Amino acid sequence: MRRVIRSLFIIPFLILVGCTGSEYDDLIEGAINQHREDRVHGEEYTREKADIAIWDNGKYVRISFIDEDGNKGRDTYYEVIGDSYEELKQYEGEQLMTKTPDYQEQMGKEF
């Protein structure tokens, strides 16, 4: 009987934990890490300060960061190839903007 009661509390918790986050979490963190490595001052580049879009099931990522005044910085586009992130030229990335993203988030919240 105790097992049944315990299961009634554990199962909803596991469902709730499993539903949080995005299927693209690892991809987003990888793009942020790549952006940090490519820039001089990387510590201010966090997901909570980012505007992110993803296309083609995670093949392309656009990331830009928002400063403390609410101003959005330059868009950086990456093509994801295996475990690496190749920065696209600006005009290549801008072509993605004609497509609807598979996923978007701003300041850590999906929309």
C-alpha atoms as a PDB file:
ATOM      1  CA  MET A   1       0.000   0.000   0.000  1.00  0.00           C
ATOM      2  CA  ARG A   2       2.826   2.400   0.800  1.00  0.00           C
ATOM      3  CA  ARG A   3       4.317   1.813  -2.645  1.00  0.00           C
ATOM      4  CA  VAL A   4       1.072   2.768  -4.317  1.00  0.00           C
ATOM      5  CA  ILE A   5       0.746   5.959  -2.304  1.00  0.00           C
ATOM      6  CA  ARG A   6       4.387   6.856  -2.899  1.00  0.00           C
ATOM      7  CA  SER A   7       3.958   6.217  -6.633  1.00  0.00           C
ATOM      8  CA  LEU A   8       0.993   8.587  -6.723  1.00  0.00           C
ATOM      9  CA  PHE A   9       3.311  11.402  -5.584  1.00  0.00           C
ATOM     10  CA  ILE A  10       6.426  10.448  -7.548  1.00  0.00           C
ATOM     11  CA  ILE A  11       4.829   9.950 -10.980  1.00  0.00           C
ATOM     12  CA  PRO A  12       3.370  13.491 -11.290  1.00  0.00           C
ATOM     13  CA  PHE A  13       6.704  14.920 -10.137  1.00  0.00           C
ATOM     14  CA  LEU A  14       8.588  12.971 -12.816  1.00  0.00           C
ATOM     15  CA  ILE A  15       6.105  14.071 -15.459  1.00  0.00           C
ATOM     16  CA  LEU A  16       6.492  17.704 -14.402  1.00  0.00           C
ATOM     17  CA  VAL A  17      10.293  17.498 -14.435  1.00  0.00           C
ATOM     18  CA  GLY A  18      10.239  15.798 -17.836  1.00  0.00           C
ATOM     19  CA  CYS A  19       8.053  18.526 -19.326  1.00  0.00           C
ATOM     20  CA  THR A  20      10.216  21.460 -18.349  1.00  0.00           C
ATOM     21  CA  GLY A  21      12.816  22.845 -20.703  1.00  0.00           C
ATOM     22  CA  SER A  22      13.108  22.479 -24.420  1.00  0.00           C
ATOM     23  CA  GLU A  23      14.172  19.643 -26.666  1.00  0.00           C
ATOM     24  CA  TYR A  24      16.775  22.128 -27.890  1.00  0.00           C
ATOM     25  CA  ASP A  25      18.383  22.812 -24.476  1.00  0.00           C
ATOM     26  CA  ASP A  26      21.703  21.162 -25.329  1.00  0.00           C
ATOM     27  CA  LEU A  27      21.793  22.869 -28.714  1.00  0.00           C
ATOM     28  CA  ILE A  28      21.128  26.282 -27.154  1.00  0.00           C
ATOM     29  CA  GLU A  29      23.770  25.813 -24.469  1.00  0.00           C
ATOM     30  CA  GLY A  30      26.251  24.699 -27.145  1.00  0.00           C
ATOM     31  CA  ALA A  31      25.575  27.810 -29.235  1.00  0.00           C
ATOM     32  CA  ILE A  32      25.986  30.070 -26.194  1.00  0.00           C
ATOM     33  CA  ASN A  33      29.254  28.349 -25.294  1.00  0.00           C
ATOM     34  CA  GLN A  34      30.509  28.755 -28.863  1.00  0.00           C
ATOM     35  CA  HIS A  35      29.550  32.416 -28.801  1.00  0.00           C
ATOM     36  CA  ARG A  36      31.483  32.859 -25.536  1.00  0.00           C
ATOM     37  CA  GLU A  37      34.558  31.196 -27.032  1.00  0.00           C
ATOM     38  CA  ASP A  38      34.401  33.400 -30.137  1.00  0.00           C
ATOM     39  CA  ARG A  39      34.123  36.664 -28.199  1.00  0.00           C
ATOM     40  CA  VAL A  40      36.490  38.430 -25.804  1.00  0.00           C
ATOM     41  CA  HIS A  41      34.024  39.138 -22.980  1.00  0.00           C
ATOM     42  CA  GLY A  42      32.024  35.912 -22.753  1.00  0.00           C
ATOM     43  CA  GLU A  43      30.803  35.939 -19.176  1.00  0.00           C
ATOM     44  CA  GLU A  44      27.830  38.217 -19.917  1.00  0.00           C
ATOM     45  CA  TYR A  45      26.506  35.832 -22.567  1.00  0.00           C
ATOM     46  CA  THR A  46      23.826  33.827 -20.762  1.00  0.00           C
ATOM     47  CA  ARG A  47      20.565  32.252 -21.870  1.00  0.00           C
ATOM     48  CA  GLU A  48      18.634  34.654 -19.653  1.00  0.00           C
ATOM     49  CA  LYS A  49      20.017  37.547 -21.741  1.00  0.00           C
ATOM     50  CA  ALA A  50      19.567  35.914 -25.151  1.00  0.00           C
ATOM     51  CA  ASP A  51      17.178  36.056 -28.080  1.00  0.00           C
ATOM     52  CA  ILE A  52      17.305  32.647 -29.811  1.00  0.00           C
ATOM     53  CA  ALA A  53      15.705  31.063 -32.880  1.00  0.00           C
ATOM     54  CA  ILE A  54      16.198  27.540 -34.270  1.00  0.00           C
ATOM     55  CA  TRP A  55      15.402  26.227 -37.765  1.00  0.00           C
ATOM     56  CA  ASP A  56      15.390  22.887 -39.592  1.00  0.00           C
ATOM     57  CA  ASN A  57      15.158  20.700 -36.475  1.00  0.00           C
ATOM     58  CA  GLY A  58      18.274  22.178 -34.930  1.00  0.00           C
ATOM     59  CA  LYS A  59      20.456  22.580 -37.999  1.00  0.00           C
ATOM     60  CA  TYR A  60      20.597  26.386 -37.704  1.00  0.00           C
ATOM     61  CA  VAL A  61      20.660  28.667 -34.658  1.00  0.00           C
ATOM     62  CA  ARG A  62      20.406  32.443 -34.434  1.00  0.00           C
ATOM     63  CA  ILE A  63      21.503  34.032 -31.209  1.00  0.00           C
ATOM     64  CA  SER A  64      21.803  37.614 -30.073  1.00  0.00           C
ATOM     65  CA  PHE A  65      22.162  39.053 -26.622  1.00  0.00           C
ATOM     66  CA  ILE A  66      20.186  41.772 -24.913  1.00  0.00           C
ATOM     67  CA  ASP A  67      22.030  44.289 -22.763  1.00  0.00           C
ATOM     68  CA  GLU A  68      20.871  45.695 -19.430  1.00  0.00           C
ATOM     69  CA  ASP A  69      19.158  48.598 -21.248  1.00  0.00           C
ATOM     70  CA  GLY A  70      17.066  46.155 -23.320  1.00  0.00           C
ATOM     71  CA  ASN A  71      18.980  46.722 -26.553  1.00  0.00           C
ATOM     72  CA  LYS A  72      19.448  43.686 -28.771  1.00  0.00           C
ATOM     73  CA  GLY A  73      22.946  43.093 -30.115  1.00  0.00           C
ATOM     74  CA  ARG A  74      24.072  41.772 -33.486  1.00  0.00           C
ATOM     75  CA  ASP A  75      22.549  38.487 -34.646  1.00  0.00           C
ATOM     76  CA  THR A  76      24.993  35.606 -34.950  1.00  0.00           C
ATOM     77  CA  TYR A  77      23.975  32.590 -37.018  1.00  0.00           C
ATOM     78  CA  TYR A  78      25.408  29.096 -36.641  1.00  0.00           C
ATOM     79  CA  GLU A  79      25.090  25.960 -38.687  1.00  0.00           C
ATOM     80  CA  VAL A  80      25.280  22.925 -36.426  1.00  0.00           C
ATOM     81  CA  ILE A  81      27.446  20.185 -37.908  1.00  0.00           C
ATOM     82  CA  GLY A  82      27.711  17.224 -35.569  1.00  0.00           C
ATOM     83  CA  ASP A  83      28.996  18.654 -32.295  1.00  0.00           C
ATOM     84  CA  SER A  84      30.456  21.810 -33.831  1.00  0.00           C
ATOM     85  CA  TYR A  85      28.965  25.219 -34.506  1.00  0.00           C
ATOM     86  CA  GLU A  86      30.092  26.920 -37.693  1.00  0.00           C
ATOM     87  CA  GLU A  87      29.362  30.640 -37.792  1.00  0.00           C
ATOM     88  CA  LEU A  88      27.566  31.651 -40.969  1.00  0.00           C
ATOM     89  CA  LYS A  89      28.230  34.835 -42.874  1.00  0.00           C
ATOM     90  CA  GLN A  90      25.614  37.472 -42.088  1.00  0.00           C
ATOM     91  CA  TYR A  91      23.900  37.258 -45.488  1.00  0.00           C
ATOM     92  CA  GLU A  92      23.655  33.444 -45.183  1.00  0.00           C
ATOM     93  CA  GLY A  93      21.977  33.740 -41.806  1.00  0.00           C
ATOM     94  CA  GLU A  94      19.614  36.440 -42.907  1.00  0.00           C
ATOM     95  CA  GLN A  95      18.212  34.062 -45.537  1.00  0.00           C
ATOM     96  CA  LEU A  96      16.899  31.964 -42.647  1.00  0.00           C
ATOM     97  CA  MET A  97      14.721  34.866 -41.529  1.00  0.00           C
ATOM     98  CA  THR A  98      12.373  34.182 -44.446  1.00  0.00           C
ATOM     99  CA  LYS A  99      11.509  30.817 -42.832  1.00  0.00           C
ATOM    100  CA  THR A 100       9.414  30.230 -39.737  1.00  0.00           C
ATOM    101  CA  PRO A 101      11.615  29.047 -36.852  1.00  0.00           C
ATOM    102  CA  ASP A 102      10.951  25.662 -35.246  1.00  0.00           C
ATOM    103  CA  TYR A 103      11.648  27.170 -31.839  1.00  0.00           C
ATOM    104  CA  GLN A 104      12.093  30.654 -30.363  1.00  0.00           C
ATOM    105  CA  GLU A 105      12.868  31.971 -26.941  1.00  0.00           C
ATOM    106  CA  GLN A 106      13.810  35.281 -25.426  1.00  0.00           C
ATOM    107  CA  MET A 107      15.384  35.871 -22.025  1.00  0.00           C
ATOM    108  CA  GLY A 108      15.106  32.125 -21.300  1.00  0.00           C
ATOM    109  CA  LYS A 109      11.364  31.877 -22.058  1.00  0.00           C
ATOM    110  CA  GLU A 110       9.843  30.109 -25.040  1.00  0.00           C
ATOM    111  CA  PHE A 111       7.380  31.980 -27.235  1.00  0.00           C
END
